N, C-alpha and C. Protein backbone atom coordinates (compact mmCIF):
# COMPACT_ATOMS: atom_id res chain seq x y z
N MET A 1 112.57 205.45 -73.69
CA MET A 1 114.03 205.07 -74.33
C MET A 1 115.37 206.20 -74.00
N ASP A 2 116.12 204.76 -74.20
CA ASP A 2 117.37 205.30 -73.39
C ASP A 2 118.01 206.75 -73.33
N ALA A 3 118.37 207.41 -72.85
CA ALA A 3 118.59 208.61 -72.77
C ALA A 3 119.81 209.33 -73.51
N LEU A 4 120.30 207.91 -73.87
CA LEU A 4 121.97 208.44 -75.11
C LEU A 4 121.14 207.82 -76.22
N ILE A 5 119.69 207.71 -76.84
CA ILE A 5 119.28 207.60 -77.95
C ILE A 5 118.12 208.33 -77.79
N ASP A 6 118.12 209.12 -79.39
CA ASP A 6 117.04 209.95 -79.84
C ASP A 6 116.48 209.88 -80.95
N VAL A 7 115.28 210.36 -81.51
CA VAL A 7 114.82 210.03 -82.51
C VAL A 7 114.69 211.55 -82.60
N VAL A 8 114.45 211.79 -83.74
CA VAL A 8 114.33 213.35 -84.35
C VAL A 8 113.95 213.17 -86.27
N ASP A 9 113.24 214.30 -86.41
CA ASP A 9 112.67 214.85 -88.09
C ASP A 9 114.01 215.35 -88.33
N ALA A 10 114.38 214.88 -89.48
CA ALA A 10 115.26 215.11 -90.35
C ALA A 10 115.24 216.63 -91.02
N ASP A 11 115.70 217.39 -91.07
CA ASP A 11 115.85 218.86 -92.00
C ASP A 11 116.11 218.79 -93.15
N LEU A 12 115.39 218.51 -94.55
CA LEU A 12 115.57 218.37 -95.38
C LEU A 12 115.69 219.13 -96.24
N GLU A 13 115.92 220.45 -95.84
CA GLU A 13 116.62 221.63 -96.21
C GLU A 13 118.03 222.43 -95.84
N ASP A 14 118.39 221.29 -94.85
CA ASP A 14 119.78 221.29 -94.27
C ASP A 14 120.31 220.64 -95.31
N GLU A 15 121.30 221.02 -95.85
CA GLU A 15 122.49 220.61 -96.84
C GLU A 15 123.65 219.20 -95.97
N ALA A 16 123.66 219.47 -94.95
CA ALA A 16 124.78 219.17 -93.95
C ALA A 16 123.85 217.45 -93.34
N GLN A 17 122.41 217.59 -93.23
CA GLN A 17 121.29 216.59 -92.84
C GLN A 17 121.21 215.57 -94.47
N VAL A 18 121.02 216.22 -95.32
CA VAL A 18 121.25 215.80 -96.74
C VAL A 18 121.97 214.56 -96.61
N GLU A 19 122.80 215.10 -96.48
CA GLU A 19 124.44 214.82 -97.02
C GLU A 19 124.39 213.09 -95.89
N ARG A 20 124.61 213.70 -94.50
CA ARG A 20 124.23 212.22 -93.68
C ARG A 20 123.66 211.30 -93.90
N LEU A 21 122.33 211.58 -94.36
CA LEU A 21 121.34 210.68 -94.90
C LEU A 21 122.12 210.09 -96.22
N PHE A 22 122.35 210.56 -96.92
CA PHE A 22 123.15 209.75 -98.11
C PHE A 22 124.70 209.16 -97.48
N GLU A 23 125.46 209.34 -96.79
CA GLU A 23 126.46 208.71 -96.17
C GLU A 23 125.66 207.38 -95.26
N ILE A 24 124.64 207.45 -94.59
CA ILE A 24 124.13 206.50 -93.79
C ILE A 24 123.43 205.49 -94.76
N LEU A 25 122.98 205.74 -95.75
CA LEU A 25 122.37 204.89 -96.61
C LEU A 25 123.45 204.45 -97.84
N ASP A 26 123.77 204.94 -98.23
CA ASP A 26 125.41 204.25 -99.02
C ASP A 26 126.17 203.38 -97.94
N ALA A 27 126.29 203.62 -96.81
CA ALA A 27 127.13 202.53 -96.14
C ALA A 27 126.16 201.77 -96.08
N TYR A 28 124.93 201.42 -96.32
CA TYR A 28 124.09 200.05 -96.23
C TYR A 28 123.89 199.70 -97.86
N ALA A 29 124.21 200.49 -98.70
CA ALA A 29 124.03 200.13 -99.87
C ALA A 29 125.48 198.91 -100.36
N ARG A 30 126.60 199.94 -99.69
CA ARG A 30 127.80 199.33 -100.06
C ARG A 30 127.94 197.91 -99.56
N GLY A 31 127.18 197.45 -98.33
CA GLY A 31 126.95 196.09 -97.73
C GLY A 31 126.33 194.94 -98.40
N PRO A 32 126.52 193.43 -98.07
CA PRO A 32 125.79 192.90 -98.04
C PRO A 32 124.24 192.75 -98.01
N GLY A 33 123.79 193.38 -97.13
CA GLY A 33 122.18 193.50 -97.28
C GLY A 33 121.67 194.93 -98.00
N GLY A 34 122.64 195.52 -98.67
CA GLY A 34 122.33 196.34 -100.20
C GLY A 34 122.33 195.62 -101.28
N GLN A 35 123.32 196.55 -102.29
CA GLN A 35 123.54 196.05 -103.62
C GLN A 35 124.93 196.11 -103.57
N ASN A 36 125.94 195.84 -102.49
CA ASN A 36 127.20 195.33 -102.73
C ASN A 36 128.02 196.68 -103.63
N ALA A 37 127.34 197.84 -103.60
CA ALA A 37 128.36 198.80 -104.44
C ALA A 37 127.91 200.34 -103.83
N PRO A 38 128.63 200.66 -104.04
CA PRO A 38 128.11 202.24 -103.68
C PRO A 38 127.09 203.06 -104.09
N LEU A 39 125.97 203.63 -103.63
CA LEU A 39 125.37 204.46 -104.24
C LEU A 39 125.42 205.64 -105.31
N SER A 40 124.85 205.63 -106.60
CA SER A 40 124.95 206.94 -107.48
C SER A 40 125.89 208.16 -107.55
N GLU A 41 126.37 209.02 -108.14
CA GLU A 41 126.54 210.20 -107.36
C GLU A 41 125.04 211.14 -107.95
N ARG A 42 124.26 210.33 -108.74
CA ARG A 42 122.98 210.85 -109.79
C ARG A 42 121.97 210.56 -108.37
N ALA A 43 121.86 209.66 -107.29
CA ALA A 43 121.46 209.36 -105.92
C ALA A 43 121.94 210.49 -105.05
N ARG A 44 122.85 210.42 -105.30
CA ARG A 44 123.27 211.81 -104.26
C ARG A 44 123.32 213.25 -104.58
N ARG A 45 123.03 213.59 -106.17
CA ARG A 45 122.71 215.03 -106.55
C ARG A 45 121.16 214.88 -106.35
N ASN A 46 120.34 213.84 -106.41
CA ASN A 46 118.58 213.86 -105.88
C ASN A 46 118.52 213.69 -105.24
N LEU A 47 118.80 212.80 -103.90
CA LEU A 47 118.45 212.92 -102.62
C LEU A 47 117.81 214.03 -102.16
N GLY A 48 118.07 215.05 -101.51
CA GLY A 48 117.50 216.19 -101.39
C GLY A 48 116.23 216.19 -102.04
N PRO A 49 116.92 217.35 -103.23
CA PRO A 49 115.97 217.69 -103.86
C PRO A 49 114.31 216.64 -104.14
N GLY A 50 115.03 215.51 -104.04
CA GLY A 50 113.45 214.04 -104.60
C GLY A 50 112.82 214.48 -103.20
N LEU A 51 113.50 214.18 -102.23
CA LEU A 51 112.67 213.88 -100.67
C LEU A 51 111.95 215.10 -100.75
N ARG A 52 112.45 216.70 -101.13
CA ARG A 52 112.30 217.60 -100.43
C ARG A 52 110.78 218.17 -101.52
N ALA A 53 110.86 217.71 -102.70
CA ALA A 53 109.72 217.19 -103.67
C ALA A 53 108.24 216.17 -103.21
N HIS A 54 108.70 215.45 -102.92
CA HIS A 54 107.91 214.38 -102.35
C HIS A 54 107.14 214.76 -101.10
N PRO A 55 105.95 215.42 -100.98
CA PRO A 55 105.09 215.32 -100.04
C PRO A 55 104.58 214.76 -98.76
N MET A 56 104.93 213.17 -99.87
CA MET A 56 104.59 212.72 -98.40
C MET A 56 105.42 211.81 -97.81
N ALA A 57 107.11 212.21 -98.51
CA ALA A 57 107.74 211.76 -97.66
C ALA A 57 108.49 212.22 -96.70
N PHE A 58 108.85 211.35 -95.50
CA PHE A 58 109.90 212.15 -94.05
C PHE A 58 110.90 211.33 -94.13
N VAL A 59 111.72 211.97 -93.33
CA VAL A 59 112.91 211.33 -92.84
C VAL A 59 113.48 211.27 -91.04
N LEU A 60 113.37 209.88 -90.57
CA LEU A 60 113.90 209.71 -88.69
C LEU A 60 115.26 210.00 -88.67
N PHE A 61 115.54 210.32 -88.26
CA PHE A 61 117.03 209.96 -87.81
C PHE A 61 117.14 209.86 -86.15
N GLY A 62 118.11 208.54 -86.17
CA GLY A 62 118.30 208.29 -84.97
C GLY A 62 119.68 208.54 -84.39
N ARG A 63 119.82 209.29 -83.45
CA ARG A 63 120.95 209.44 -82.79
C ARG A 63 121.21 208.76 -81.50
N LEU A 64 122.32 208.23 -81.54
CA LEU A 64 123.25 207.99 -80.21
C LEU A 64 124.29 208.92 -79.88
N ARG A 65 124.29 209.30 -78.43
CA ARG A 65 124.96 210.37 -77.72
C ARG A 65 125.54 211.62 -78.99
N GLY A 66 123.72 211.84 -79.28
CA GLY A 66 124.12 213.28 -80.36
C GLY A 66 124.12 213.28 -81.82
N GLU A 67 124.85 212.14 -82.17
CA GLU A 67 125.33 211.40 -83.16
C GLU A 67 124.34 210.85 -83.91
N ILE A 68 124.25 211.44 -85.11
CA ILE A 68 123.14 210.79 -86.45
C ILE A 68 123.81 209.66 -86.81
N VAL A 69 123.19 208.24 -86.33
CA VAL A 69 123.83 207.35 -86.89
C VAL A 69 122.61 205.94 -87.55
N GLY A 70 121.35 206.77 -87.60
CA GLY A 70 120.91 205.98 -88.32
C GLY A 70 119.34 206.85 -88.89
N ALA A 71 118.95 206.21 -89.82
CA ALA A 71 117.85 206.89 -90.98
C ALA A 71 116.51 205.84 -91.41
N ALA A 72 115.47 206.57 -90.89
CA ALA A 72 114.33 205.46 -91.94
C ALA A 72 113.69 206.87 -92.71
N VAL A 73 113.96 206.44 -94.27
CA VAL A 73 112.84 207.13 -95.01
C VAL A 73 111.73 206.53 -95.33
N CYS A 74 111.17 207.25 -95.26
CA CYS A 74 109.20 206.58 -95.12
C CYS A 74 108.50 207.80 -96.08
N VAL A 75 107.49 206.99 -96.82
CA VAL A 75 106.50 207.30 -97.56
C VAL A 75 105.16 207.27 -96.91
N TRP A 76 104.33 208.42 -96.91
CA TRP A 76 103.07 208.05 -96.25
C TRP A 76 102.20 207.37 -97.60
N SER A 77 100.87 206.79 -97.19
CA SER A 77 100.15 206.14 -98.06
C SER A 77 98.90 205.45 -97.73
N PHE A 78 98.22 205.19 -98.82
CA PHE A 78 96.39 204.95 -98.08
C PHE A 78 95.91 203.62 -98.39
N SER A 79 95.73 203.52 -97.58
CA SER A 79 95.22 201.52 -97.78
C SER A 79 93.82 201.34 -98.24
N THR A 80 93.52 201.54 -99.44
CA THR A 80 91.91 201.60 -99.95
C THR A 80 91.12 200.52 -99.39
N PHE A 81 91.89 199.18 -99.35
CA PHE A 81 90.45 198.34 -98.52
C PHE A 81 90.45 198.36 -96.51
N ALA A 82 91.18 199.36 -95.95
CA ALA A 82 91.38 199.68 -94.62
C ALA A 82 90.58 200.88 -94.84
N GLY A 83 90.68 202.10 -96.02
CA GLY A 83 89.98 203.51 -95.82
C GLY A 83 90.60 204.21 -95.06
N ARG A 84 91.90 204.19 -94.37
CA ARG A 84 92.92 204.69 -93.82
C ARG A 84 94.20 204.90 -94.07
N PRO A 85 95.08 205.72 -94.02
CA PRO A 85 96.40 205.71 -93.83
C PRO A 85 97.50 204.51 -93.84
N SER A 86 98.54 204.46 -94.22
CA SER A 86 99.13 203.34 -94.34
C SER A 86 100.79 204.13 -94.30
N VAL A 87 101.81 203.65 -93.85
CA VAL A 87 103.43 204.76 -94.24
C VAL A 87 103.83 203.52 -94.70
N ASN A 88 104.87 203.26 -95.25
CA ASN A 88 105.83 202.72 -95.70
C ASN A 88 107.18 202.77 -95.32
N LEU A 89 107.88 202.35 -94.95
CA LEU A 89 109.19 202.01 -94.31
C LEU A 89 110.32 201.94 -95.22
N HIS A 90 110.53 202.80 -96.44
CA HIS A 90 110.98 202.54 -97.76
C HIS A 90 112.34 202.00 -97.69
N ASP A 91 113.32 203.07 -96.77
CA ASP A 91 114.67 202.49 -96.63
C ASP A 91 114.69 202.90 -95.43
N PHE A 92 116.02 202.41 -94.45
CA PHE A 92 116.28 201.64 -93.57
C PHE A 92 117.36 201.66 -93.09
N SER A 93 118.36 202.21 -92.46
CA SER A 93 119.73 201.86 -91.90
C SER A 93 120.46 202.67 -90.33
N VAL A 94 121.03 201.84 -90.23
CA VAL A 94 121.87 202.33 -89.12
C VAL A 94 123.48 201.84 -89.54
N LEU A 95 124.45 202.97 -89.09
CA LEU A 95 125.64 202.13 -89.37
C LEU A 95 126.49 201.36 -88.85
N PRO A 96 126.67 200.63 -89.38
CA PRO A 96 127.54 199.24 -88.32
C PRO A 96 127.86 199.33 -86.89
N GLN A 97 128.52 200.53 -86.54
CA GLN A 97 129.36 200.51 -85.38
C GLN A 97 128.22 201.41 -84.49
N ALA A 98 126.60 201.53 -84.45
CA ALA A 98 125.87 201.65 -83.79
C ALA A 98 124.73 200.78 -83.65
N GLN A 99 124.94 199.70 -84.49
CA GLN A 99 124.31 198.40 -84.53
C GLN A 99 124.07 197.57 -83.63
N GLY A 100 122.53 197.28 -82.75
CA GLY A 100 122.74 196.33 -81.69
C GLY A 100 123.06 197.37 -80.53
N GLN A 101 122.92 198.68 -80.73
CA GLN A 101 122.17 199.47 -79.37
C GLN A 101 121.03 200.03 -79.48
N GLY A 102 120.04 199.59 -79.99
CA GLY A 102 118.79 200.40 -79.53
C GLY A 102 118.46 201.25 -80.73
N VAL A 103 119.10 201.77 -81.50
CA VAL A 103 118.64 202.85 -82.40
C VAL A 103 117.37 202.57 -83.41
N GLY A 104 118.16 201.11 -84.32
CA GLY A 104 116.71 201.11 -84.72
C GLY A 104 115.66 200.73 -84.45
N THR A 105 115.54 200.00 -82.94
CA THR A 105 114.54 199.81 -82.24
C THR A 105 113.57 201.09 -81.79
N ALA A 106 114.34 202.28 -81.54
CA ALA A 106 114.05 203.38 -81.23
C ALA A 106 113.33 204.04 -82.55
N ILE A 107 114.00 204.25 -83.80
CA ILE A 107 113.58 204.68 -85.00
C ILE A 107 112.18 204.20 -84.69
N LEU A 108 111.98 202.89 -84.90
CA LEU A 108 110.91 201.82 -85.25
C LEU A 108 109.77 202.23 -84.30
N ASP A 109 109.98 201.97 -82.99
CA ASP A 109 109.23 202.91 -81.68
C ASP A 109 108.65 204.23 -82.40
N VAL A 110 109.85 205.29 -82.89
CA VAL A 110 108.77 206.39 -82.88
C VAL A 110 107.74 206.37 -83.82
N LEU A 111 108.52 205.84 -85.40
CA LEU A 111 107.49 205.50 -86.44
C LEU A 111 106.34 204.83 -86.16
N GLU A 112 106.03 203.57 -85.54
CA GLU A 112 104.84 203.18 -84.91
C GLU A 112 104.41 204.25 -84.66
N ARG A 113 104.29 205.01 -83.42
CA ARG A 113 103.75 205.61 -82.87
C ARG A 113 102.77 206.67 -83.38
N ARG A 114 103.99 207.24 -84.75
CA ARG A 114 103.26 208.26 -85.51
C ARG A 114 102.41 207.87 -86.15
N ALA A 115 102.17 206.56 -86.93
CA ALA A 115 101.76 206.05 -87.98
C ALA A 115 99.93 206.09 -86.66
N ARG A 116 100.31 204.93 -85.79
CA ARG A 116 99.09 205.46 -85.01
C ARG A 116 98.67 206.73 -84.47
N GLU A 117 98.97 207.40 -84.32
CA GLU A 117 98.45 208.88 -83.82
C GLU A 117 97.94 209.32 -85.13
N ARG A 118 97.88 208.92 -86.36
CA ARG A 118 97.08 209.17 -87.96
C ARG A 118 96.25 208.21 -87.90
N ASP A 119 95.98 207.09 -87.37
CA ASP A 119 95.12 205.99 -87.77
C ASP A 119 95.68 204.70 -88.99
N ALA A 120 96.71 205.04 -88.40
CA ALA A 120 97.50 204.56 -90.02
C ALA A 120 96.65 202.09 -90.04
N ALA A 121 96.50 202.15 -91.10
CA ALA A 121 95.97 200.87 -90.86
C ALA A 121 97.68 199.50 -91.08
N LYS A 122 98.49 200.24 -91.11
CA LYS A 122 99.66 199.15 -91.62
C LYS A 122 100.84 199.92 -91.43
N LEU A 123 101.70 199.06 -91.20
CA LEU A 123 103.13 200.01 -91.62
C LEU A 123 103.55 198.78 -92.61
N THR A 124 104.48 199.05 -93.92
CA THR A 124 105.20 198.02 -94.80
C THR A 124 106.07 198.14 -94.86
N LEU A 125 107.37 197.55 -95.05
CA LEU A 125 108.45 197.40 -95.50
C LEU A 125 108.92 196.79 -96.85
N GLU A 126 109.89 196.13 -97.27
CA GLU A 126 110.75 195.46 -97.87
C GLU A 126 111.95 195.33 -97.50
N VAL A 127 112.39 193.80 -97.16
CA VAL A 127 113.15 193.32 -96.95
C VAL A 127 114.06 192.16 -98.06
N ILE A 128 115.31 192.26 -98.36
CA ILE A 128 116.11 191.44 -98.90
C ILE A 128 116.11 190.04 -98.14
N GLY A 129 115.56 188.73 -98.49
CA GLY A 129 115.58 187.66 -97.71
C GLY A 129 117.16 187.07 -96.86
N THR A 130 118.26 187.64 -97.70
CA THR A 130 119.39 187.61 -97.10
C THR A 130 119.80 188.07 -95.67
N ASN A 131 119.08 189.36 -95.52
CA ASN A 131 119.21 190.49 -94.52
C ASN A 131 119.10 190.29 -93.16
N ASP A 132 119.91 189.03 -92.92
CA ASP A 132 119.02 188.31 -91.51
C ASP A 132 119.09 188.91 -90.20
N GLY A 133 120.35 190.24 -90.14
CA GLY A 133 119.93 191.21 -89.40
C GLY A 133 118.60 191.53 -88.96
N ALA A 134 118.19 192.30 -90.29
CA ALA A 134 117.02 193.80 -90.52
C ALA A 134 115.71 192.09 -90.19
N ARG A 135 115.83 191.42 -90.73
CA ARG A 135 115.16 190.75 -90.70
C ARG A 135 114.50 190.12 -89.38
N ARG A 136 115.56 189.87 -88.28
CA ARG A 136 115.41 189.54 -86.78
C ARG A 136 114.78 190.93 -86.25
N LEU A 137 115.66 191.99 -86.85
CA LEU A 137 114.70 193.38 -86.00
C LEU A 137 113.55 193.30 -85.94
N TYR A 138 112.87 193.22 -88.08
CA TYR A 138 111.69 193.41 -88.01
C TYR A 138 110.93 192.37 -87.30
N GLU A 139 110.94 191.07 -87.37
CA GLU A 139 110.38 190.17 -86.64
C GLU A 139 110.10 190.60 -85.13
N ARG A 140 110.59 190.83 -84.70
CA ARG A 140 111.29 190.99 -82.94
C ARG A 140 110.12 192.31 -83.01
N PHE A 141 109.90 193.51 -83.63
CA PHE A 141 109.21 194.43 -84.02
C PHE A 141 107.44 194.27 -84.43
N GLY A 142 107.22 192.62 -84.79
CA GLY A 142 105.90 192.27 -84.93
C GLY A 142 105.46 192.56 -86.65
N PHE A 143 106.98 192.36 -87.86
CA PHE A 143 106.75 192.25 -89.01
C PHE A 143 106.38 190.86 -89.07
N ASP A 144 105.52 190.73 -90.35
CA ASP A 144 105.73 189.01 -90.80
C ASP A 144 105.08 189.17 -92.05
N PRO A 145 105.57 188.74 -93.26
CA PRO A 145 104.76 188.56 -94.44
C PRO A 145 103.28 188.69 -94.57
N GLY A 146 102.65 188.06 -93.75
CA GLY A 146 101.51 188.09 -93.79
C GLY A 146 101.14 186.56 -93.97
N GLU A 147 99.44 186.62 -94.14
CA GLU A 147 99.05 185.38 -94.65
C GLU A 147 97.64 185.87 -95.89
N PRO A 148 97.70 185.57 -96.93
CA PRO A 148 98.99 184.57 -97.57
C PRO A 148 100.00 185.73 -97.45
N PRO A 149 101.32 185.00 -97.54
CA PRO A 149 102.53 186.00 -97.71
C PRO A 149 101.88 186.76 -99.09
N THR A 150 102.50 188.33 -98.65
CA THR A 150 102.62 189.41 -99.42
C THR A 150 104.22 189.61 -99.97
N HIS A 151 104.13 189.95 -101.49
CA HIS A 151 105.38 189.90 -102.42
C HIS A 151 105.58 191.23 -102.78
N PHE A 152 106.96 191.72 -102.78
CA PHE A 152 107.19 193.00 -103.28
C PHE A 152 107.62 192.27 -104.56
N LEU A 153 107.24 193.11 -105.42
CA LEU A 153 108.01 193.22 -107.00
C LEU A 153 108.34 194.02 -107.54
N THR A 154 109.31 193.93 -108.00
CA THR A 154 110.44 194.87 -108.91
C THR A 154 110.29 195.20 -110.44
N LYS A 155 110.03 196.18 -111.33
CA LYS A 155 110.42 196.01 -112.36
C LYS A 155 111.02 197.90 -112.80
N ARG A 156 112.48 197.50 -112.84
CA ARG A 156 113.43 198.30 -112.89
C ARG A 156 113.20 199.20 -114.11
N LEU A 157 113.53 200.36 -114.08
CA LEU A 157 113.28 200.99 -115.27
C LEU A 157 114.46 201.89 -115.87
N SER A 158 115.32 201.89 -115.19
CA SER A 158 116.63 202.41 -115.63
C SER A 158 118.11 202.12 -113.99
């Protein structure tokens, strides 16, 4: 890994780090790959407490020259078909000014290494079909829709 880039665990007890996580996720949400709108104040208020209360959630930060510029919110799960753990990359974002410099790849490398250390059966994620940059990164990293393709469905509750 480039010495200018490193990946660390977020300290979700540190409110400054939770705020930085929110900023990174909000930057993504405001763009065309996200929802073209900012995250809500409710999301801001609940981000830290919600992640801290979720025993299987963890966050990886990607740093470029010591500055946190990327984040991956991940959740451990269990593959009943494989009888082994799995991990879902739930939210993943690198700030626009840091994209294309290897931060996203570094985060994915660390995530895959952790999954393999726990003998995980798979990594999963969902990506909006129009998010071409993210799709290219994921495909380069070996993600594919599967055969037959897997579809991620959503039912919004509020």
